PDB file of N, CA and C in Angstrom:
ATOM      1  N   MET A   1     -20.926 -15.838   5.718  1.00  0.00           N
ATOM      2  CA  MET A   1     -21.711 -14.706   6.698  1.00  0.00           C
ATOM      3  C   MET A   1     -21.633 -14.906   8.197  1.00  0.00           C
ATOM      4  N   ASN A   2     -22.323 -16.508   8.342  1.00  0.00           N
ATOM      5  CA  ASN A   2     -22.344 -16.634   9.874  1.00  0.00           C
ATOM      6  C   ASN A   2     -20.852 -16.440  10.656  1.00  0.00           C
ATOM      7  N   THR A   3     -19.811 -16.638  10.263  1.00  0.00           N
ATOM      8  CA  THR A   3     -18.481 -16.458  10.590  1.00  0.00           C
ATOM      9  C   THR A   3     -18.116 -15.137  10.453  1.00  0.00           C
ATOM     10  N   VAL A   4     -18.610 -14.071   9.496  1.00  0.00           N
ATOM     11  CA  VAL A   4     -18.581 -12.749   9.708  1.00  0.00           C
ATOM     12  C   VAL A   4     -19.096 -12.066  11.238  1.00  0.00           C
ATOM     13  N   MET A   5     -20.242 -12.551  11.244  1.00  0.00           N
ATOM     14  CA  MET A   5     -21.352 -12.092  12.176  1.00  0.00           C
ATOM     15  C   MET A   5     -20.836 -12.584  13.882  1.00  0.00           C
ATOM     16  N   GLU A   6     -20.207 -13.677  13.674  1.00  0.00           N
ATOM     17  CA  GLU A   6     -19.331 -14.240  14.934  1.00  0.00           C
ATOM     18  C   GLU A   6     -18.140 -13.498  15.463  1.00  0.00           C
ATOM     19  N   LEU A   7     -17.738 -12.597  14.189  1.00  0.00           N
ATOM     20  CA  LEU A   7     -16.304 -11.839  14.650  1.00  0.00           C
ATOM     21  C   LEU A   7     -16.878 -10.642  14.888  1.00  0.00           C
ATOM     22  N   ILE A   8     -17.848 -10.187  14.422  1.00  0.00           N
ATOM     23  CA  ILE A   8     -18.407  -8.605  14.906  1.00  0.00           C
ATOM     24  C   ILE A   8     -18.845  -8.863  16.260  1.00  0.00           C
ATOM     25  N   THR A   9     -19.550  -9.822  16.590  1.00  0.00           N
ATOM     26  CA  THR A   9     -20.037 -10.189  18.160  1.00  0.00           C
ATOM     27  C   THR A   9     -19.056 -10.187  19.097  1.00  0.00           C
ATOM     28  N   LEU A  10     -17.868 -10.775  18.452  1.00  0.00           N
ATOM     29  CA  LEU A  10     -16.715 -10.815  19.527  1.00  0.00           C
ATOM     30  C   LEU A  10     -15.962  -9.663  19.280  1.00  0.00           C
ATOM     31  N   ALA A  11     -15.947  -9.009  18.385  1.00  0.00           N
ATOM     32  CA  ALA A  11     -15.357  -7.055  18.313  1.00  0.00           C
ATOM     33  C   ALA A  11     -16.602  -6.218  19.376  1.00  0.00           C
ATOM     34  N   GLU A  12     -17.448  -6.724  19.609  1.00  0.00           N
ATOM     35  CA  GLU A  12     -18.289  -5.856  20.637  1.00  0.00           C
ATOM     36  C   GLU A  12     -17.690  -6.270  21.718  1.00  0.00           C
ATOM     37  N   ASP A  13     -17.818  -6.584  21.908  1.00  0.00           N
ATOM     38  CA  ASP A  13     -17.265  -7.996  23.423  1.00  0.00           C
ATOM     39  C   ASP A  13     -15.735  -7.189  23.721  1.00  0.00           C
ATOM     40  N   ALA A  14     -14.947  -7.111  22.983  1.00  0.00           N
ATOM     41  CA  ALA A  14     -13.596  -6.810  23.111  1.00  0.00           C
ATOM     42  C   ALA A  14     -13.222  -5.883  23.612  1.00  0.00           C
ATOM     43  N   PRO A  15     -12.300  -5.112  24.619  1.00  0.00           N
ATOM     44  CA  PRO A  15     -12.063  -3.705  24.921  1.00  0.00           C
ATOM     45  C   PRO A  15     -11.218  -3.036  24.160  1.00  0.00           C
ATOM     46  N   LEU A  16     -11.222  -3.476  23.080  1.00  0.00           N
ATOM     47  CA  LEU A  16      -9.917  -2.713  22.265  1.00  0.00           C
ATOM     48  C   LEU A  16     -10.527  -1.621  21.052  1.00  0.00           C
ATOM     49  N   ILE A  17     -11.880  -1.950  20.735  1.00  0.00           N
ATOM     50  CA  ILE A  17     -12.269  -0.537  20.504  1.00  0.00           C
ATOM     51  C   ILE A  17     -13.011  -0.131  21.320  1.00  0.00           C
ATOM     52  N   PRO A  18     -13.004   1.365  22.053  1.00  0.00           N
ATOM     53  CA  PRO A  18     -13.577   1.697  23.195  1.00  0.00           C
ATOM     54  C   PRO A  18     -14.587   2.502  22.382  1.00  0.00           C
ATOM     55  N   GLY A  19     -15.569   2.528  23.049  1.00  0.00           N
ATOM     56  CA  GLY A  19     -16.517   3.123  22.335  1.00  0.00           C
ATOM     57  C   GLY A  19     -17.304   3.087  21.123  1.00  0.00           C
ATOM     58  N   GLY A  20     -16.486   1.501  20.101  1.00  0.00           N
ATOM     59  CA  GLY A  20     -16.667   1.928  18.916  1.00  0.00           C
ATOM     60  C   GLY A  20     -18.073   0.788  18.111  1.00  0.00           C
ATOM     61  N   THR A  21     -19.571   1.627  19.145  1.00  0.00           N
ATOM     62  CA  THR A  21     -20.380   1.176  18.535  1.00  0.00           C
ATOM     63  C   THR A  21     -21.079   1.586  17.305  1.00  0.00           C
ATOM     64  N   PRO A  22     -20.858   0.815  15.860  1.00  0.00           N
ATOM     65  CA  PRO A  22     -21.088   1.982  15.173  1.00  0.00           C
ATOM     66  C   PRO A  22     -22.912   2.345  14.706  1.00  0.00           C
ATOM     67  N   THR A  23     -22.979   3.593  14.594  1.00  0.00           N
ATOM     68  CA  THR A  23     -24.574   4.610  14.403  1.00  0.00           C
ATOM     69  C   THR A  23     -25.155   3.990  13.324  1.00  0.00           C
ATOM     70  N   GLN A  24     -26.426   3.194  13.295  1.00  0.00           N
ATOM     71  CA  GLN A  24     -27.209   2.971  12.102  1.00  0.00           C
ATOM     72  C   GLN A  24     -27.251   4.078  11.080  1.00  0.00           C
ATOM     73  N   ILE A  25     -26.893   3.526   9.881  1.00  0.00           N
ATOM     74  CA  ILE A  25     -26.822   4.616   8.436  1.00  0.00           C
ATOM     75  C   ILE A  25     -28.199   4.105   7.935  1.00  0.00           C
ATOM     76  N   PRO A  26     -28.926   5.133   7.586  1.00  0.00           N
ATOM     77  CA  PRO A  26     -30.301   5.239   6.937  1.00  0.00           C
ATOM     78  C   PRO A  26     -29.602   4.488   5.759  1.00  0.00           C
ATOM     79  N   GLY A  27     -30.784   3.820   5.598  1.00  0.00           N
ATOM     80  CA  GLY A  27     -31.056   3.250   3.922  1.00  0.00           C
ATOM     81  C   GLY A  27     -29.892   1.941   4.184  1.00  0.00           C
ATOM     82  N   LEU A  28     -29.372   1.502   5.032  1.00  0.00           N
ATOM     83  CA  LEU A  28     -28.719   0.129   5.048  1.00  0.00           C
ATOM     84  C   LEU A  28     -29.020  -0.863   6.097  1.00  0.00           C
ATOM     85  N   SER A  29     -28.501  -1.736   5.665  1.00  0.00           N
ATOM     86  CA  SER A  29     -29.559  -3.205   6.823  1.00  0.00           C
ATOM     87  C   SER A  29     -28.239  -2.996   8.116  1.00  0.00           C
ATOM     88  N   GLY A  30     -29.395  -3.784   9.298  1.00  0.00           N
ATOM     89  CA  GLY A  30     -28.401  -3.847  10.272  1.00  0.00           C
ATOM     90  C   GLY A  30     -26.641  -4.243   9.935  1.00  0.00           C
ATOM     91  N   PRO A  31     -26.690  -5.680   9.102  1.00  0.00           N
ATOM     92  CA  PRO A  31     -25.272  -6.341   9.537  1.00  0.00           C
ATOM     93  C   PRO A  31     -24.178  -5.653   8.757  1.00  0.00           C
ATOM     94  N   VAL A  32     -24.674  -4.800   7.799  1.00  0.00           N
ATOM     95  CA  VAL A  32     -23.639  -4.651   6.381  1.00  0.00           C
ATOM     96  C   VAL A  32     -22.902  -2.566   7.353  1.00  0.00           C
ATOM     97  N   THR A  33     -24.406  -2.372   8.154  1.00  0.00           N
ATOM     98  CA  THR A  33     -23.664  -0.859   9.091  1.00  0.00           C
ATOM     99  C   THR A  33     -22.520  -1.356  10.294  1.00  0.00           C
ATOM    100  N   GLN A  34     -23.088  -2.651  11.031  1.00  0.00           N
ATOM    101  CA  GLN A  34     -22.277  -3.317  11.700  1.00  0.00           C
ATOM    102  C   GLN A  34     -20.956  -3.534  11.346  1.00  0.00           C
ATOM    103  N   ILE A  35     -20.793  -4.295   9.844  1.00  0.00           N
ATOM    104  CA  ILE A  35     -19.687  -4.301   9.488  1.00  0.00           C
ATOM    105  C   ILE A  35     -18.891  -3.237   8.615  1.00  0.00           C
ATOM    106  N   PHE A  36     -19.276  -2.068   8.435  1.00  0.00           N
ATOM    107  CA  PHE A  36     -18.606  -0.734   7.964  1.00  0.00           C
ATOM    108  C   PHE A  36     -17.866  -0.547   8.936  1.00  0.00           C
ATOM    109  N   GLY A  37     -18.903  -0.520  10.027  1.00  0.00           N
ATOM    110  CA  GLY A  37     -18.722   0.490  11.212  1.00  0.00           C
ATOM    111  C   GLY A  37     -17.461  -0.140  11.829  1.00  0.00           C
ATOM    112  N   TYR A  38     -17.387  -1.237  12.430  1.00  0.00           N
ATOM    113  CA  TYR A  38     -16.277  -1.892  12.714  1.00  0.00           C
ATOM    114  C   TYR A  38     -14.844  -1.991  11.847  1.00  0.00           C
ATOM    115  N   GLY A  39     -15.457  -2.517  10.430  1.00  0.00           N
ATOM    116  CA  GLY A  39     -14.065  -2.165   9.787  1.00  0.00           C
ATOM    117  C   GLY A  39     -13.650  -0.933   9.662  1.00  0.00           C
ATOM    118  N   LEU A  40     -14.099   0.504   9.879  1.00  0.00           N
ATOM    119  CA  LEU A  40     -13.641   1.966  10.046  1.00  0.00           C
ATOM    120  C   LEU A  40     -12.706   1.835  11.509  1.00  0.00           C
ATOM    121  N   TRP A  41     -13.646   1.157  12.370  1.00  0.00           N
ATOM    122  CA  TRP A  41     -13.012   1.058  14.180  1.00  0.00           C
ATOM    123  C   TRP A  41     -11.395   0.476  13.621  1.00  0.00           C
ATOM    124  N   LEU A  42     -11.214  -0.959  12.788  1.00  0.00           N
ATOM    125  CA  LEU A  42     -10.182  -1.296  12.994  1.00  0.00           C
ATOM    126  C   LEU A  42      -9.132  -0.980  11.981  1.00  0.00           C
ATOM    127  N   LEU A  43      -9.856   0.359  11.134  1.00  0.00           N
ATOM    128  CA  LEU A  43      -8.745   0.471   9.929  1.00  0.00           C
ATOM    129  C   LEU A  43      -7.912   1.820  10.823  1.00  0.00           C
ATOM    130  N   ILE A  44      -9.015   2.058  11.912  1.00  0.00           N
ATOM    131  CA  ILE A  44      -8.155   3.070  12.913  1.00  0.00           C
ATOM    132  C   ILE A  44      -6.941   2.854  13.745  1.00  0.00           C
ATOM    133  N   LEU A  45      -7.620   1.180  14.116  1.00  0.00           N
ATOM    134  CA  LEU A  45      -6.533   0.722  15.028  1.00  0.00           C
ATOM    135  C   LEU A  45      -4.971  -0.094  14.031  1.00  0.00           C
ATOM    136  N   ALA A  46      -5.479  -0.287  12.586  1.00  0.00           N
ATOM    137  CA  ALA A  46      -4.051  -0.446  12.109  1.00  0.00           C
ATOM    138  C   ALA A  46      -3.621   0.513  11.813  1.00  0.00           C
ATOM    139  N   GLY A  47      -4.027   1.671  11.611  1.00  0.00           N
ATOM    140  CA  GLY A  47      -3.334   3.150  11.537  1.00  0.00           C
ATOM    141  C   GLY A  47      -2.516   3.388  12.514  1.00  0.00           C
ATOM    142  N   VAL A  48      -2.939   3.331  13.742  1.00  0.00           N
ATOM    143  CA  VAL A  48      -2.145   3.074  15.036  1.00  0.00           C
ATOM    144  C   VAL A  48      -0.917   2.355  14.792  1.00  0.00           C
ATOM    145  N   GLY A  49      -1.188   1.151  14.755  1.00  0.00           N
ATOM    146  CA  GLY A  49      -0.156   0.147  14.970  1.00  0.00           C
ATOM    147  C   GLY A  49       1.239   0.355  13.790  1.00  0.00           C
ATOM    148  N   GLY A  50       0.097   0.930  12.267  1.00  0.00           N
ATOM    149  CA  GLY A  50       1.400   1.412  11.707  1.00  0.00           C
ATOM    150  C   GLY A  50       2.430   2.588  11.667  1.00  0.00           C
ATOM    151  N   THR A  51       2.092   3.582  12.487  1.00  0.00           N
ATOM    152  CA  THR A  51       2.592   4.632  12.899  1.00  0.00           C
ATOM    153  C   THR A  51       3.330   4.317  14.197  1.00  0.00           C
ATOM    154  N   GLY A  52       2.643   3.696  14.692  1.00  0.00           N
ATOM    155  CA  GLY A  52       3.673   2.961  16.275  1.00  0.00           C
ATOM    156  C   GLY A  52       4.702   2.137  15.218  1.00  0.00           C
ATOM    157  N   PHE A  53       4.808   1.214  14.513  1.00  0.00           N
ATOM    158  CA  PHE A  53       5.611   0.695  14.100  1.00  0.00           C
ATOM    159  C   PHE A  53       6.815   1.172  13.251  1.00  0.00           C
ATOM    160  N   GLY A  54       6.289   2.459  12.472  1.00  0.00           N
ATOM    161  CA  GLY A  54       7.167   3.379  12.278  1.00  0.00           C
ATOM    162  C   GLY A  54       8.523   4.090  13.510  1.00  0.00           C
ATOM    163  N   VAL A  55       7.358   4.427  14.419  1.00  0.00           N
ATOM    164  CA  VAL A  55       8.310   5.482  15.244  1.00  0.00           C
ATOM    165  C   VAL A  55       9.503   4.271  16.109  1.00  0.00           C
ATOM    166  N   TYR A  56       9.016   2.855  15.951  1.00  0.00           N
ATOM    167  CA  TYR A  56       9.724   1.962  16.178  1.00  0.00           C
ATOM    168  C   TYR A  56      11.151   1.627  15.482  1.00  0.00           C
ATOM    169  N   LYS A  57      10.677   1.355  14.098  1.00  0.00           N
ATOM    170  CA  LYS A  57      11.768   1.549  12.757  1.00  0.00           C
ATOM    171  C   LYS A  57      12.461   2.858  13.018  1.00  0.00           C
ATOM    172  N   LEU A  58      12.149   3.933  13.185  1.00  0.00           N
ATOM    173  CA  LEU A  58      13.154   5.174  13.248  1.00  0.00           C
ATOM    174  C   LEU A  58      13.759   5.030  14.652  1.00  0.00           C
ATOM    175  N   ALA A  59      13.679   4.011  15.614  1.00  0.00           N
ATOM    176  CA  ALA A  59      14.016   4.546  16.568  1.00  0.00           C
ATOM    177  C   ALA A  59      15.136   3.422  16.685  1.00  0.00           C
ATOM    178  N   VAL A  60      15.185   2.516  15.767  1.00  0.00           N
ATOM    179  CA  VAL A  60      16.061   1.221  15.814  1.00  0.00           C
ATOM    180  C   VAL A  60      16.931   1.308  14.340  1.00  0.00           C
ATOM    181  N   ALA A  61      16.521   2.307  13.256  1.00  0.00           N
ATOM    182  CA  ALA A  61      17.164   2.523  11.970  1.00  0.00           C
ATOM    183  C   ALA A  61      18.819   2.885  12.252  1.00  0.00           C
ATOM    184  N   ASP A  62      19.274   2.434  11.063  1.00  0.00           N
ATOM    185  CA  ASP A  62      20.863   2.761  11.530  1.00  0.00           C
ATOM    186  C   ASP A  62      20.834   3.960  10.723  1.00  0.00           C
ATOM    187  N   LYS A  63      21.340   5.012  11.598  1.00  0.00           N
ATOM    188  CA  LYS A  63      21.463   6.785  11.159  1.00  0.00           C
ATOM    189  C   LYS A  63      22.609   6.644  10.392  1.00  0.00           C
ATOM    190  N   SER A  64      23.368   5.929   9.434  1.00  0.00           N
ATOM    191  CA  SER A  64      24.550   6.789   8.869  1.00  0.00           C
ATOM    192  C   SER A  64      23.740   7.316   7.739  1.00  0.00           C
ATOM    193  N   ARG A  65      25.168   7.534   6.363  1.00  0.00           N
ATOM    194  CA  ARG A  65      24.702   8.124   5.194  1.00  0.00           C
ATOM    195  C   ARG A  65      23.570   6.980   4.222  1.00  0.00           C
ATOM    196  N   ASN A  66      24.226   5.715   4.106  1.00  0.00           N
ATOM    197  CA  ASN A  66      23.639   4.715   3.417  1.00  0.00           C
ATOM    198  C   ASN A  66      22.441   4.102   4.121  1.00  0.00           C
ATOM    199  N   GLY A  67      22.087   4.830   5.484  1.00  0.00           N
ATOM    200  CA  GLY A  67      20.686   3.556   5.377  1.00  0.00           C
ATOM    201  C   GLY A  67      19.417   3.756   4.952  1.00  0.00           C
ATOM    202  N   GLY A  68      18.394   3.190   5.060  1.00  0.00           N
ATOM    203  CA  GLY A  68      17.497   3.297   4.105  1.00  0.00           C
ATOM    204  C   GLY A  68      16.410   4.289   5.639  1.00  0.00           C
ATOM    205  N   GLY A  69      17.062   5.943   5.045  1.00  0.00           N
ATOM    206  CA  GLY A  69      16.451   6.539   5.803  1.00  0.00           C
ATOM    207  C   GLY A  69      14.922   7.133   6.387  1.00  0.00           C
ATOM    208  N   ALA A  70      14.152   6.765   4.861  1.00  0.00           N
ATOM    209  CA  ALA A  70      12.870   7.411   4.452  1.00  0.00           C
ATOM    210  C   ALA A  70      12.155   6.072   4.728  1.00  0.00           C
ATOM    211  N   GLU A  71      12.338   4.578   5.557  1.00  0.00           N
ATOM    212  CA  GLU A  71      11.109   3.784   5.464  1.00  0.00           C
ATOM    213  C   GLU A  71      10.391   3.612   6.525  1.00  0.00           C
ATOM    214  N   PRO A  72      11.062   4.251   7.773  1.00  0.00           N
ATOM    215  CA  PRO A  72      10.308   4.443   8.938  1.00  0.00           C
ATOM    216  C   PRO A  72       9.081   5.505   8.951  1.00  0.00           C
ATOM    217  N   PHE A  73       9.734   6.409   7.652  1.00  0.00           N
ATOM    218  CA  PHE A  73       8.713   7.847   7.454  1.00  0.00           C
ATOM    219  C   PHE A  73       7.456   7.322   6.766  1.00  0.00           C
ATOM    220  N   LYS A  74       7.373   6.301   6.023  1.00  0.00           N
ATOM    221  CA  LYS A  74       6.552   6.087   5.235  1.00  0.00           C
ATOM    222  C   LYS A  74       5.764   4.898   5.993  1.00  0.00           C
ATOM    223  N   TRP A  75       6.325   4.076   6.849  1.00  0.00           N
ATOM    224  CA  TRP A  75       5.162   3.756   7.764  1.00  0.00           C
ATOM    225  C   TRP A  75       4.416   4.782   8.684  1.00  0.00           C
ATOM    226  N   MET A  76       5.034   6.031   9.201  1.00  0.00           N
ATOM    227  CA  MET A  76       4.279   6.492  10.384  1.00  0.00           C
ATOM    228  C   MET A  76       3.338   7.389   9.008  1.00  0.00           C
ATOM    229  N   GLY A  77       3.857   7.896   8.054  1.00  0.00           N
ATOM    230  CA  GLY A  77       2.906   8.874   7.142  1.00  0.00           C
ATOM    231  C   GLY A  77       1.472   7.643   6.439  1.00  0.00           C
ATOM    232  N   GLY A  78       1.703   6.639   6.511  1.00  0.00           N
ATOM    233  CA  GLY A  78       0.539   5.149   6.102  1.00  0.00           C
ATOM    234  C   GLY A  78      -0.083   5.358   7.350  1.00  0.00           C
ATOM    235  N   GLY A  79       0.458   5.290   8.362  1.00  0.00           N
ATOM    236  CA  GLY A  79      -0.543   5.184   9.417  1.00  0.00           C
ATOM    237  C   GLY A  79      -1.535   6.378  10.045  1.00  0.00           C
ATOM    238  N   VAL A  80      -0.658   7.426   9.857  1.00  0.00           N
ATOM    239  CA  VAL A  80      -1.151   8.824   9.758  1.00  0.00           C
ATOM    240  C   VAL A  80      -2.576   8.702   9.109  1.00  0.00           C
ATOM    241  N   ALA A  81      -2.150   8.235   7.705  1.00  0.00           N
ATOM    242  CA  ALA A  81      -3.153   9.069   6.661  1.00  0.00           C
ATOM    243  C   ALA A  81      -4.278   7.656   6.655  1.00  0.00           C
ATOM    244  N   ALA A  82      -3.813   6.689   7.575  1.00  0.00           N
ATOM    245  CA  ALA A  82      -5.110   5.539   7.819  1.00  0.00           C
ATOM    246  C   ALA A  82      -6.244   5.997   8.645  1.00  0.00           C
ATOM    247  N   ILE A  83      -5.644   6.549  10.144  1.00  0.00           N
ATOM    248  CA  ILE A  83      -6.246   7.336  10.851  1.00  0.00           C
ATOM    249  C   ILE A  83      -6.931   8.229  10.546  1.00  0.00           C
ATOM    250  N   LEU A  84      -6.627   9.052   9.574  1.00  0.00           N
ATOM    251  CA  LEU A  84      -7.471  10.720   9.268  1.00  0.00           C
ATOM    252  C   LEU A  84      -8.697   9.977   8.212  1.00  0.00           C
ATOM    253  N   LEU A  85      -8.269   9.681   7.365  1.00  0.00           N
ATOM    254  CA  LEU A  85      -9.199   8.839   6.544  1.00  0.00           C
ATOM    255  C   LEU A  85     -10.571   8.141   7.329  1.00  0.00           C
ATOM    256  N   ALA A  86     -10.105   6.995   7.903  1.00  0.00           N
ATOM    257  CA  ALA A  86     -11.028   6.364   8.797  1.00  0.00           C
ATOM    258  C   ALA A  86     -12.241   7.424   9.827  1.00  0.00           C
ATOM    259  N   GLY A  87     -11.290   8.156  10.308  1.00  0.00           N
ATOM    260  CA  GLY A  87     -11.454   8.948  11.505  1.00  0.00           C
ATOM    261  C   GLY A  87     -12.765  10.202  11.019  1.00  0.00           C
ATOM    262  N   SER A  88     -12.655  10.523   9.043  1.00  0.00           N
ATOM    263  CA  SER A  88     -13.136  11.510   8.928  1.00  0.00           C
ATOM    264  C   SER A  88     -14.472  10.352   8.368  1.00  0.00           C
ATOM    265  N   LEU A  89     -14.412   9.605   8.024  1.00  0.00           N
ATOM    266  CA  LEU A  89     -15.377   8.624   7.746  1.00  0.00           C
ATOM    267  C   LEU A  89     -16.682   8.588   8.656  1.00  0.00           C
ATOM    268  N   ILE A  90     -15.623   8.175   9.738  1.00  0.00           N
ATOM    269  CA  ILE A  90     -16.424   8.063  11.016  1.00  0.00           C
ATOM    270  C   ILE A  90     -17.603   9.203  11.429  1.00  0.00           C
ATOM    271  N   THR A  91     -16.757  10.573  11.577  1.00  0.00           N
ATOM    272  CA  THR A  91     -17.652  11.994  11.237  1.00  0.00           C
ATOM    273  C   THR A  91     -18.557  11.954  10.654  1.00  0.00           C
ATOM    274  N   ILE A  92     -18.277  11.671   9.471  1.00  0.00           N
ATOM    275  CA  ILE A  92     -19.437  11.912   7.524  1.00  0.00           C
ATOM    276  C   ILE A  92     -20.587  11.205   8.108  1.00  0.00           C
ATOM    277  N   LEU A  93     -20.165   9.956   8.595  1.00  0.00           N
ATOM    278  CA  LEU A  93     -21.351   8.960   8.803  1.00  0.00           C
ATOM    279  C   LEU A  93     -22.058   8.606  10.079  1.00  0.00           C
ATOM    280  N   ASN A  94     -21.551   9.540  11.012  1.00  0.00           N
ATOM    281  CA  ASN A  94     -22.282   9.855  12.604  1.00  0.00           C
ATOM    282  C   ASN A  94     -22.986  11.193  11.772  1.00  0.00           C
ATOM    283  N   GLY A  95     -22.614  12.325  11.439  1.00  0.00           N
ATOM    284  CA  GLY A  95     -23.219  13.653  10.877  1.00  0.00           C
ATOM    285  C   GLY A  95     -24.052  13.066  10.185  1.00  0.00           C
ATOM    286  N   ILE A  96     -24.274  12.059   9.171  1.00  0.00           N
ATOM    287  CA  ILE A  96     -25.476  11.808   8.160  1.00  0.00           C
ATOM    288  C   ILE A  96     -26.208  11.271   9.302  1.00  0.00           C
ATOM    289  N   ALA A  97     -26.196  10.145   9.679  1.00  0.00           N
ATOM    290  CA  ALA A  97     -26.840   9.298  10.818  1.00  0.00           C
ATOM    291  C   ALA A  97     -27.451   9.954  11.931  1.00  0.00           C
ATOM    292  N   SER A  98     -27.258  11.111  12.213  1.00  0.00           N
ATOM    293  CA  SER A  98     -27.714  12.121  13.945  1.00  0.00           C
ATOM    294  C   SER A  98     -28.799  12.884  12.964  1.00  0.00           C
TER     295      SER A  98
END
């Protein structure tokens, strides 16, 4: 648990998560709220990474008929799905907390 709290402290100071301070969720303790909130922000960052990797794979893919043309779209679709899921959960939780 100590390692998790150190990672949360590092995440608070990191400029990778702009405005990523989670809102206190009623009925949950402070550490649970922070871990859940930062987990959602990290899920958004992972979605952005997956979408970017899909765009990269599309740019360097073999465009011939026998190439694996669907793989970049799987990466991009998974990334966009992660962004939408985490974004909607953040919106719902902020609506509940405020």
